[in-house]
Amino acid sequence: MFSKRDLIGVCGVIALTAAACTPTVRLEVAPIQIYAKLDADVRIRLDRELQDLLVENPNLF
């Protein structure tokens, strides 16, 4: 039969072989360009909503 030393050697070779066969996963994402135009009306509405929230919740900040 195999000696303990031979068994450890075989296990080492199997471990190295398994480590060499690990798959590589690569994820590549193309850059996305987003163009946004904020309208003044949107800012006014947001400002009004923020003011209303502050009036309703004075301890918010």
C-alpha atoms as a PDB file:
ATOM      1  CA  MET A   1       0.000   0.000   0.000  1.00  0.00           C
ATOM      2  CA  PHE A   2       0.926   3.645   0.049  1.00  0.00           C
ATOM      3  CA  SER A   3       2.898   5.173   2.838  1.00  0.00           C
ATOM      4  CA  LYS A   4       1.700   8.288   4.626  1.00  0.00           C
ATOM      5  CA  ARG A   5       4.343  10.315   2.784  1.00  0.00           C
ATOM      6  CA  ASP A   6       3.131   9.094  -0.616  1.00  0.00           C
ATOM      7  CA  LEU A   7      -0.472   9.881   0.307  1.00  0.00           C
ATOM      8  CA  ILE A   8       0.444  13.427   1.352  1.00  0.00           C
ATOM      9  CA  GLY A   9       2.366  13.891  -1.899  1.00  0.00           C
ATOM     10  CA  VAL A  10      -0.577  12.709  -4.000  1.00  0.00           C
ATOM     11  CA  CYS A  11      -2.949  14.994  -2.073  1.00  0.00           C
ATOM     12  CA  GLY A  12      -0.570  17.913  -2.673  1.00  0.00           C
ATOM     13  CA  VAL A  13      -0.475  17.252  -6.412  1.00  0.00           C
ATOM     14  CA  ILE A  14      -4.274  16.999  -6.531  1.00  0.00           C
ATOM     15  CA  ALA A  15      -4.617  20.273  -4.592  1.00  0.00           C
ATOM     16  CA  LEU A  16      -2.230  22.099  -6.931  1.00  0.00           C
ATOM     17  CA  THR A  17      -4.019  20.728  -9.976  1.00  0.00           C
ATOM     18  CA  ALA A  18      -7.406  21.785  -8.636  1.00  0.00           C
ATOM     19  CA  ALA A  19      -6.091  25.272  -7.805  1.00  0.00           C
ATOM     20  CA  ALA A  20      -4.705  25.659 -11.319  1.00  0.00           C
ATOM     21  CA  CYS A  21      -8.111  24.870 -12.843  1.00  0.00           C
ATOM     22  CA  THR A  22     -10.148  27.483 -10.996  1.00  0.00           C
ATOM     23  CA  PRO A  23     -12.307  29.496 -13.391  1.00  0.00           C
ATOM     24  CA  THR A  24     -11.763  33.215 -13.864  1.00  0.00           C
ATOM     25  CA  VAL A  25     -14.779  35.487 -13.994  1.00  0.00           C
ATOM     26  CA  ARG A  26     -14.346  38.924 -15.529  1.00  0.00           C
ATOM     27  CA  LEU A  27     -17.009  41.583 -15.439  1.00  0.00           C
ATOM     28  CA  GLU A  28     -16.690  44.478 -17.858  1.00  0.00           C
ATOM     29  CA  VAL A  29     -19.147  47.341 -17.781  1.00  0.00           C
ATOM     30  CA  ALA A  30     -19.246  49.912 -20.546  1.00  0.00           C
ATOM     31  CA  PRO A  31     -19.393  53.517 -19.330  1.00  0.00           C
ATOM     32  CA  ILE A  32     -22.812  55.119 -19.475  1.00  0.00           C
ATOM     33  CA  GLN A  33     -23.198  58.798 -20.232  1.00  0.00           C
ATOM     34  CA  ILE A  34     -26.247  60.478 -18.776  1.00  0.00           C
ATOM     35  CA  TYR A  35     -27.222  63.949 -19.835  1.00  0.00           C
ATOM     36  CA  ALA A  36     -29.688  65.695 -17.569  1.00  0.00           C
ATOM     37  CA  LYS A  37     -31.176  69.135 -17.757  1.00  0.00           C
ATOM     38  CA  LEU A  38     -32.761  70.553 -14.631  1.00  0.00           C
ATOM     39  CA  ASP A  39     -35.553  72.965 -15.213  1.00  0.00           C
ATOM     40  CA  ALA A  40     -36.012  75.973 -12.919  1.00  0.00           C
ATOM     41  CA  ASP A  41     -39.583  74.847 -12.283  1.00  0.00           C
ATOM     42  CA  VAL A  42     -38.313  71.612 -10.753  1.00  0.00           C
ATOM     43  CA  ARG A  43     -36.049  73.510  -8.384  1.00  0.00           C
ATOM     44  CA  ILE A  44     -38.870  75.819  -7.322  1.00  0.00           C
ATOM     45  CA  ARG A  45     -41.141  72.861  -6.595  1.00  0.00           C
ATOM     46  CA  LEU A  46     -38.425  71.131  -4.592  1.00  0.00           C
ATOM     47  CA  ASP A  47     -37.729  74.320  -2.643  1.00  0.00           C
ATOM     48  CA  ARG A  48     -41.420  74.686  -1.836  1.00  0.00           C
ATOM     49  CA  GLU A  49     -41.698  71.062  -0.725  1.00  0.00           C
ATOM     50  CA  LEU A  50     -38.642  71.471   1.477  1.00  0.00           C
ATOM     51  CA  GLN A  51     -40.063  74.630   3.042  1.00  0.00           C
ATOM     52  CA  ASP A  52     -43.370  72.842   3.696  1.00  0.00           C
ATOM     53  CA  LEU A  53     -41.524  69.949   5.338  1.00  0.00           C
ATOM     54  CA  LEU A  54     -39.566  72.338   7.541  1.00  0.00           C
ATOM     55  CA  VAL A  55     -42.764  74.089   8.601  1.00  0.00           C
ATOM     56  CA  GLU A  56     -44.404  70.745   9.445  1.00  0.00           C
ATOM     57  CA  ASN A  57     -41.276  69.386  11.187  1.00  0.00           C
ATOM     58  CA  PRO A  58     -39.303  72.258  12.760  1.00  0.00           C
ATOM     59  CA  ASN A  59     -36.948  69.852  14.576  1.00  0.00           C
ATOM     60  CA  LEU A  60     -35.941  68.058  11.377  1.00  0.00           C
ATOM     61  CA  PHE A  61     -32.493  69.639  11.260  1.00  0.00           C
END
